[in-house]
Every structure is written in C-alpha cells, then in structure tokens.
C-alpha atoms as a PDB file:
ATOM      1  CA  UNK A   1     115.898  80.984 159.174  1.00  0.00           C
ATOM      2  CA  UNK A   2     119.625  80.790 159.763  1.00  0.00           C
ATOM      3  CA  UNK A   3     121.324  84.211 160.046  1.00  0.00           C
ATOM      4  CA  UNK A   4     123.660  82.995 157.307  1.00  0.00           C
ATOM      5  CA  UNK A   5     120.904  81.938 154.895  1.00  0.00           C
ATOM      6  CA  UNK A   6     120.054  84.481 152.131  1.00  0.00           C
ATOM      7  CA  UNK A   7     116.600  86.015 152.252  1.00  0.00           C
ATOM      8  CA  UNK A   8     114.020  85.101 149.602  1.00  0.00           C
ATOM      9  CA  UNK A   9     114.220  88.468 147.753  1.00  0.00           C
ATOM     10  CA  UNK A  10     117.983  88.100 147.544  1.00  0.00           C
ATOM     11  CA  UNK A  11     117.674  84.600 146.133  1.00  0.00           C
ATOM     12  CA  UNK A  12     115.191  85.857 143.520  1.00  0.00           C
ATOM     13  CA  UNK A  13     117.484  88.707 142.543  1.00  0.00           C
ATOM     14  CA  UNK A  14     120.399  86.325 142.131  1.00  0.00           C
ATOM     15  CA  UNK A  15     118.301  83.991 140.007  1.00  0.00           C
ATOM     16  CA  UNK A  16     117.242  86.862 137.738  1.00  0.00           C
ATOM     17  CA  UNK A  17     120.742  88.274 137.241  1.00  0.00           C
ATOM     18  CA  UNK A  18     122.576  86.617 134.331  1.00  0.00           C
ATOM     19  CA  UNK A  19     126.165  85.624 134.999  1.00  0.00           C
ATOM     20  CA  UNK A  20     128.846  87.952 133.671  1.00  0.00           C
ATOM     21  CA  UNK A  21     129.931  85.417 131.072  1.00  0.00           C
ATOM     22  CA  UNK A  22     126.380  85.489 129.622  1.00  0.00           C
ATOM     23  CA  UNK A  23     126.433  89.282 129.452  1.00  0.00           C
ATOM     24  CA  UNK A  24     129.783  89.185 127.685  1.00  0.00           C
ATOM     25  CA  UNK A  25     128.493  86.614 125.195  1.00  0.00           C
ATOM     26  CA  UNK A  26     125.408  88.737 124.501  1.00  0.00           C
ATOM     27  CA  UNK A  27     127.574  91.798 123.992  1.00  0.00           C
ATOM     28  CA  UNK A  28     129.830  89.916 121.598  1.00  0.00           C
ATOM     29  CA  UNK A  29     126.852  88.687 119.587  1.00  0.00           C
ATOM     30  CA  UNK A  30     125.368  92.178 119.441  1.00  0.00           C
ATOM     31  CA  UNK A  31     128.687  93.627 118.293  1.00  0.00           C
ATOM     32  CA  UNK A  32     129.165  90.971 115.613  1.00  0.00           C
ATOM     33  CA  UNK A  33     125.587  91.423 114.383  1.00  0.00           C
ATOM     34  CA  UNK A  34     125.994  95.198 114.201  1.00  0.00           C
ATOM     35  CA  UNK A  35     129.179  94.839 112.158  1.00  0.00           C
ATOM     36  CA  UNK A  36     127.542  92.338 109.777  1.00  0.00           C
ATOM     37  CA  UNK A  37     124.479  94.549 109.350  1.00  0.00           C
ATOM     38  CA  UNK A  38     126.584  97.654 108.727  1.00  0.00           C
ATOM     39  CA  UNK A  39     128.694  95.757 106.168  1.00  0.00           C
ATOM     40  CA  UNK A  40     125.543  94.849 104.242  1.00  0.00           C
ATOM     41  CA  UNK A  41     124.327  98.444 104.351  1.00  0.00           C
ATOM     42  CA  UNK A  42     127.656  99.903 103.209  1.00  0.00           C
ATOM     43  CA  UNK A  43     127.948  97.342 100.407  1.00  0.00           C
ATOM     44  CA  UNK A  44     124.470  98.274  99.153  1.00  0.00           C
ATOM     45  CA  UNK A  45     125.511 101.900  98.762  1.00  0.00           C
ATOM     46  CA  UNK A  46     122.643 103.154 100.907  1.00  0.00           C
ATOM     47  CA  UNK A  47     123.083 106.330 102.921  1.00  0.00           C
ATOM     48  CA  UNK A  48     121.696 105.216 106.266  1.00  0.00           C
ATOM     49  CA  UNK A  49     122.029 106.568 109.794  1.00  0.00           C
ATOM     50  CA  UNK A  50     123.515 104.756 112.761  1.00  0.00           C
ATOM     51  CA  UNK A  51     120.085 104.655 114.387  1.00  0.00           C
ATOM     52  CA  UNK A  52     118.676 102.945 111.296  1.00  0.00           C
ATOM     53  CA  UNK A  53     121.523 100.408 111.346  1.00  0.00           C
ATOM     54  CA  UNK A  54     120.762  99.653 114.995  1.00  0.00           C
ATOM     55  CA  UNK A  55     117.081  99.172 114.173  1.00  0.00           C
ATOM     56  CA  UNK A  56     117.897  96.883 111.259  1.00  0.00           C
ATOM     57  CA  UNK A  57     120.231  94.863 113.501  1.00  0.00           C
ATOM     58  CA  UNK A  58     117.475  94.544 116.102  1.00  0.00           C
ATOM     59  CA  UNK A  59     119.349  96.277 118.912  1.00  0.00           C
ATOM     60  CA  UNK A  60     118.772  99.512 120.773  1.00  0.00           C
ATOM     61  CA  UNK A  61     120.560 102.741 119.918  1.00  0.00           C
ATOM     62  CA  UNK A  62     122.317 102.662 123.273  1.00  0.00           C
ATOM     63  CA  UNK A  63     123.793  99.261 122.444  1.00  0.00           C
ATOM     64  CA  UNK A  64     125.161 100.509 119.137  1.00  0.00           C
ATOM     65  CA  UNK A  65     126.686 103.658 120.616  1.00  0.00           C
ATOM     66  CA  UNK A  66     128.188 101.673 123.475  1.00  0.00           C
ATOM     67  CA  UNK A  67     130.142  99.582 120.960  1.00  0.00           C
ATOM     68  CA  UNK A  68     130.656 102.298 118.326  1.00  0.00           C
ATOM     69  CA  UNK A  69     130.436 105.852 119.679  1.00  0.00           C
ATOM     70  CA  UNK A  70     130.794 107.387 116.194  1.00  0.00           C
ATOM     71  CA  UNK A  71     130.073 106.413 112.613  1.00  0.00           C
ATOM     72  CA  UNK A  72     133.818 106.438 111.973  1.00  0.00           C
ATOM     73  CA  UNK A  73     134.336 103.748 114.621  1.00  0.00           C
ATOM     74  CA  UNK A  74     131.775 101.502 112.940  1.00  0.00           C
ATOM     75  CA  UNK A  75     133.106 102.099 109.421  1.00  0.00           C
ATOM     76  CA  UNK A  76     136.625 101.246 110.541  1.00  0.00           C
ATOM     77  CA  UNK A  77     135.527  98.050 112.241  1.00  0.00           C
ATOM     78  CA  UNK A  78     133.628  96.915 109.147  1.00  0.00           C
ATOM     79  CA  UNK A  79     136.758  97.261 107.021  1.00  0.00           C
ATOM     80  CA  UNK A  80     139.262  96.006 109.618  1.00  0.00           C
ATOM     81  CA  UNK A  81     140.066  92.721 107.876  1.00  0.00           C
ATOM     82  CA  UNK A  82     139.760  94.042 104.338  1.00  0.00           C
ATOM     83  CA  UNK A  83     142.711  96.420 104.633  1.00  0.00           C
ATOM     84  CA  UNK A  84     145.274  93.822 105.665  1.00  0.00           C
ATOM     85  CA  UNK A  85     146.095  92.653 102.092  1.00  0.00           C
ATOM     86  CA  UNK A  86     147.364  96.186 101.418  1.00  0.00           C
ATOM     87  CA  UNK A  87     150.369  95.323 103.577  1.00  0.00           C
ATOM     88  CA  UNK A  88     151.271  92.584 101.093  1.00  0.00           C
ATOM     89  CA  UNK A  89     150.847  95.111  98.283  1.00  0.00           C
ATOM     90  CA  UNK A  90     153.347  97.415  99.986  1.00  0.00           C
ATOM     91  CA  UNK A  91     155.883  94.611 100.385  1.00  0.00           C
ATOM     92  CA  UNK A  92     155.476  93.635  96.719  1.00  0.00           C
ATOM     93  CA  UNK A  93     155.989  97.232  95.602  1.00  0.00           C
ATOM     94  CA  UNK A  94     159.109  97.589  97.749  1.00  0.00           C
ATOM     95  CA  UNK A  95     160.488  94.429  96.152  1.00  0.00           C
ATOM     96  CA  UNK A  96     160.117  95.820  92.632  1.00  0.00           C
ATOM     97  CA  UNK A  97     160.272  99.621  92.942  1.00  0.00           C
ATOM     98  CA  UNK A  98     162.460 102.212  94.592  1.00  0.00           C
ATOM     99  CA  UNK A  99     160.935 103.192  97.966  1.00  0.00           C
ATOM    100  CA  UNK A 100     159.771 106.654  96.866  1.00  0.00           C
ATOM    101  CA  UNK A 101     158.014 105.182  93.830  1.00  0.00           C
ATOM    102  CA  UNK A 102     156.639 102.369  95.973  1.00  0.00           C
ATOM    103  CA  UNK A 103     155.148 104.947  98.355  1.00  0.00           C
ATOM    104  CA  UNK A 104     153.493 106.820  95.497  1.00  0.00           C
ATOM    105  CA  UNK A 105     152.118 103.605  93.977  1.00  0.00           C
ATOM    106  CA  UNK A 106     150.863 102.319  97.327  1.00  0.00           C
ATOM    107  CA  UNK A 107     149.005 105.535  98.102  1.00  0.00           C
ATOM    108  CA  UNK A 108     147.308 105.236  94.700  1.00  0.00           C
ATOM    109  CA  UNK A 109     146.413 101.637  95.526  1.00  0.00           C
ATOM    110  CA  UNK A 110     145.002 102.736  98.870  1.00  0.00           C
ATOM    111  CA  UNK A 111     142.923 105.409  97.122  1.00  0.00           C
ATOM    112  CA  UNK A 112     141.445 102.727  94.867  1.00  0.00           C
ATOM    113  CA  UNK A 113     140.751 100.493  97.855  1.00  0.00           C
ATOM    114  CA  UNK A 114     139.051 103.315  99.743  1.00  0.00           C
ATOM    115  CA  UNK A 115     137.045 104.349  96.692  1.00  0.00           C
ATOM    116  CA  UNK A 116     135.531 100.869  96.486  1.00  0.00           C
ATOM    117  CA  UNK A 117     134.263 101.009 100.060  1.00  0.00           C
ATOM    118  CA  UNK A 118     131.479 103.394 100.882  1.00  0.00           C
ATOM    119  CA  UNK A 119     132.144 105.585 103.866  1.00  0.00           C
ATOM    120  CA  UNK A 120     135.809 104.849 104.464  1.00  0.00           C
ATOM    121  CA  UNK A 121     137.105 108.033 102.814  1.00  0.00           C
ATOM    122  CA  UNK A 122     134.619 110.142 104.741  1.00  0.00           C
ATOM    123  CA  UNK A 123     135.577 108.364 107.962  1.00  0.00           C
ATOM    124  CA  UNK A 124     139.305 108.916 107.430  1.00  0.00           C
ATOM    125  CA  UNK A 125     138.802 112.578 106.557  1.00  0.00           C
ATOM    126  CA  UNK A 126     136.614 113.086 109.634  1.00  0.00           C
ATOM    127  CA  UNK A 127     139.199 111.448 111.882  1.00  0.00           C
ATOM    128  CA  UNK A 128     142.012 113.470 110.347  1.00  0.00           C
ATOM    129  CA  UNK A 129     140.082 116.706 110.844  1.00  0.00           C
ATOM    130  CA  UNK A 130     139.543 115.967 114.524  1.00  0.00           C
ATOM    131  CA  UNK A 131     143.080 114.758 115.173  1.00  0.00           C
ATOM    132  CA  UNK A 132     141.978 111.139 115.634  1.00  0.00           C
ATOM    133  CA  UNK A 133     143.945 109.717 112.722  1.00  0.00           C
ATOM    134  CA  UNK A 134     146.163 106.945 114.019  1.00  0.00           C
ATOM    135  CA  UNK A 135     143.565 105.291 116.246  1.00  0.00           C
ATOM    136  CA  UNK A 136     141.381 102.390 115.242  1.00  0.00           C
ATOM    137  CA  UNK A 137     142.027  99.271 113.145  1.00  0.00           C
ATOM    138  CA  UNK A 138     142.163 100.831 109.665  1.00  0.00           C
ATOM    139  CA  UNK A 139     144.178 103.873 110.676  1.00  0.00           C
ATOM    140  CA  UNK A 140     146.537 101.716 112.690  1.00  0.00           C
ATOM    141  CA  UNK A 141     147.150  99.440 109.703  1.00  0.00           C
ATOM    142  CA  UNK A 142     147.679 102.408 107.378  1.00  0.00           C
ATOM    143  CA  UNK A 143     150.109 103.901 109.869  1.00  0.00           C
ATOM    144  CA  UNK A 144     152.096 100.658 110.101  1.00  0.00           C
ATOM    145  CA  UNK A 145     152.258 100.209 106.324  1.00  0.00           C
ATOM    146  CA  UNK A 146     153.349 103.793 105.781  1.00  0.00           C
ATOM    147  CA  UNK A 147     155.940 103.373 108.527  1.00  0.00           C
ATOM    148  CA  UNK A 148     157.362 100.329 106.763  1.00  0.00           C
ATOM    149  CA  UNK A 149     157.647 102.128 103.421  1.00  0.00           C
ATOM    150  CA  UNK A 150     159.017 105.326 104.965  1.00  0.00           C
ATOM    151  CA  UNK A 151     161.657 103.347 106.838  1.00  0.00           C
ATOM    152  CA  UNK A 152     162.732 101.628 103.622  1.00  0.00           C
ATOM    153  CA  UNK A 153     162.929 105.024 101.944  1.00  0.00           C
ATOM    154  CA  UNK A 154     165.021 106.466 104.749  1.00  0.00           C
ATOM    155  CA  UNK A 155     167.411 103.496 104.647  1.00  0.00           C
ATOM    156  CA  UNK A 156     167.797 103.980 100.887  1.00  0.00           C
ATOM    157  CA  UNK A 157     168.403 107.704 101.314  1.00  0.00           C
ATOM    158  CA  UNK A 158     165.330 108.526  99.217  1.00  0.00           C
ATOM    159  CA  UNK A 159     163.035 109.795 101.973  1.00  0.00           C
ATOM    160  CA  UNK A 160     163.596 111.899 105.073  1.00  0.00           C
ATOM    161  CA  UNK A 161     164.037 110.196 108.418  1.00  0.00           C
ATOM    162  CA  UNK A 162     161.970 112.656 110.457  1.00  0.00           C
ATOM    163  CA  UNK A 163     158.579 111.793 108.990  1.00  0.00           C
ATOM    164  CA  UNK A 164     155.767 110.564 111.236  1.00  0.00           C
ATOM    165  CA  UNK A 165     153.529 107.992 109.498  1.00  0.00           C
ATOM    166  CA  UNK A 166     150.525 109.490 111.279  1.00  0.00           C
ATOM    167  CA  UNK A 167     151.194 112.826 109.563  1.00  0.00           C
ATOM    168  CA  UNK A 168     151.426 111.165 106.152  1.00  0.00           C
ATOM    169  CA  UNK A 169     148.201 109.292 106.845  1.00  0.00           C
ATOM    170  CA  UNK A 170     146.500 112.573 107.655  1.00  0.00           C
ATOM    171  CA  UNK A 171     147.870 114.149 104.477  1.00  0.00           C
ATOM    172  CA  UNK A 172     146.649 111.160 102.468  1.00  0.00           C
ATOM    173  CA  UNK A 173     143.174 111.531 103.974  1.00  0.00           C
ATOM    174  CA  UNK A 174     143.186 115.210 103.039  1.00  0.00           C
ATOM    175  CA  UNK A 175     144.244 114.463  99.466  1.00  0.00           C
ATOM    176  CA  UNK A 176     141.461 111.896  99.143  1.00  0.00           C
ATOM    177  CA  UNK A 177     138.925 114.446 100.374  1.00  0.00           C
ATOM    178  CA  UNK A 178     139.879 116.667  97.422  1.00  0.00           C
ATOM    179  CA  UNK A 179     140.653 114.143  94.683  1.00  0.00           C
ATOM    180  CA  UNK A 180     139.270 110.810  95.791  1.00  0.00           C
ATOM    181  CA  UNK A 181     136.672 110.306  93.063  1.00  0.00           C
ATOM    182  CA  UNK A 182     137.415 107.905  90.174  1.00  0.00           C
ATOM    183  CA  UNK A 183     137.280 110.705  87.601  1.00  0.00           C
ATOM    184  CA  UNK A 184     139.911 112.652  89.557  1.00  0.00           C
ATOM    185  CA  UNK A 185     142.674 110.082  89.113  1.00  0.00           C
ATOM    186  CA  UNK A 186     144.971 112.440  87.186  1.00  0.00           C
ATOM    187  CA  UNK A 187     144.663 115.122  89.862  1.00  0.00           C
ATOM    188  CA  UNK A 188     145.211 112.518  92.575  1.00  0.00           C
ATOM    189  CA  UNK A 189     148.422 111.323  90.937  1.00  0.00           C
ATOM    190  CA  UNK A 190     149.708 114.900  90.645  1.00  0.00           C
ATOM    191  CA  UNK A 191     148.931 115.678  94.274  1.00  0.00           C
ATOM    192  CA  UNK A 192     150.584 112.482  95.513  1.00  0.00           C
ATOM    193  CA  UNK A 193     153.661 113.312  93.429  1.00  0.00           C
ATOM    194  CA  UNK A 194     153.890 116.621  95.281  1.00  0.00           C
ATOM    195  CA  UNK A 195     153.527 114.792  98.607  1.00  0.00           C
ATOM    196  CA  UNK A 196     156.303 112.316  97.817  1.00  0.00           C
ATOM    197  CA  UNK A 197     158.603 115.058  96.486  1.00  0.00           C
ATOM    198  CA  UNK A 198     158.129 116.910  99.762  1.00  0.00           C
ATOM    199  CA  UNK A 199     159.361 113.845 101.656  1.00  0.00           C
ATOM    200  CA  UNK A 200     162.688 113.662  99.849  1.00  0.00           C
ATOM    201  CA  UNK A 201     165.854 114.704 101.725  1.00  0.00           C
ATOM    202  CA  UNK A 202     167.107 118.230 101.122  1.00  0.00           C
END
C-alpha cells in the first residue's frame, strides 16, 4: 500500500460520514417540520409540552432544543411571518390619526392579534420578565413598529424623544399580562391610555 493511500478504516469512516451540506439540509428540514408541527398544536388550542411537540414531529428532544432552547423561541418563530402585516396597520393609522392616537390604536390592535394566537402573550411576558424582550423575530418586529410610531410622535411634538421602543414593548407585554383577555378590553384601553399619556412631553 502506498504511504499516501488512505487505510481501509479511514475510507469506511469517510463513506459513512454525510457531507456537511447533507447535515445542513437535514437540520433545515427538522427545523421546518418542528415549526409546522408547533403551528398545528398552537392553532388547536392544546396545552402541550416541547417534548410532546418533538415527539409529534418525529425528532429527538435534543434536536428541538438545539433549534429552540426555550418555548418562547419556538412560539416566536411560529408567528414570525404573521406579525408583519401589523407594520402596514401602523402605517395606515399614522396616515389617518395623530401619532399619539395611532400608538394607542396600534397597541390595541396588537393586543387583539396576540389574543388570537395561543402562547404569544405568555411568551412575550416571559421574555419581558427575564429582560429578553427585543430579541427574536416577533419582538424585533414589535420594536421596529413601535420605533416608527414613536419617531413620528416625536417629530410631531406629541411624544417624548427619549423613549426606547424596547421599554415600550416590555410595558405592553406587562399590560397584556394583566388585561389581555377579551373580556378585559375596557381595562386594557384604560391602561394603554395611561401609557400613552406618560409618553407625552412635559
């Protein structure tokens, strides 16, 4: 055997090791299947654990936690695309309302959106409580929308200029944890009025 020719065990090992592109493709399929399975579970209204979602998706627990370390990560990914139309809602409100009123109306619209999607309110509250609000697809979109409305309010002189959208997102999550149920709409509107009033220049 030539000193430069690989040994038989080495050749076998190489033959058994999938190329990196195959591993990436498998990982992408597993991720997509987990998201689709979780979306079905959330839409059904079932209270189901991450381990049960992994089992239903036909993957191991380790695979699920590698892609989504927490339930909040999975919930956010499921609703990533569904939140984007709320940006158009914010633009439409800014075109017809004063910025402060647009902010109030958009937060109500977001509360309705969140109320229609099982788990998203709980996920946002959990992230806010641990200081994670502002990371992830849903929180990032909320932060950007709030930033757009707050900037319009500052330019109009209706809202303060020193407001961080991440802070308002955290406040919104906290309000929803207290008054996020459909039968609490009146309380929600009152609390959001207080929030918006607190953002006005003094």
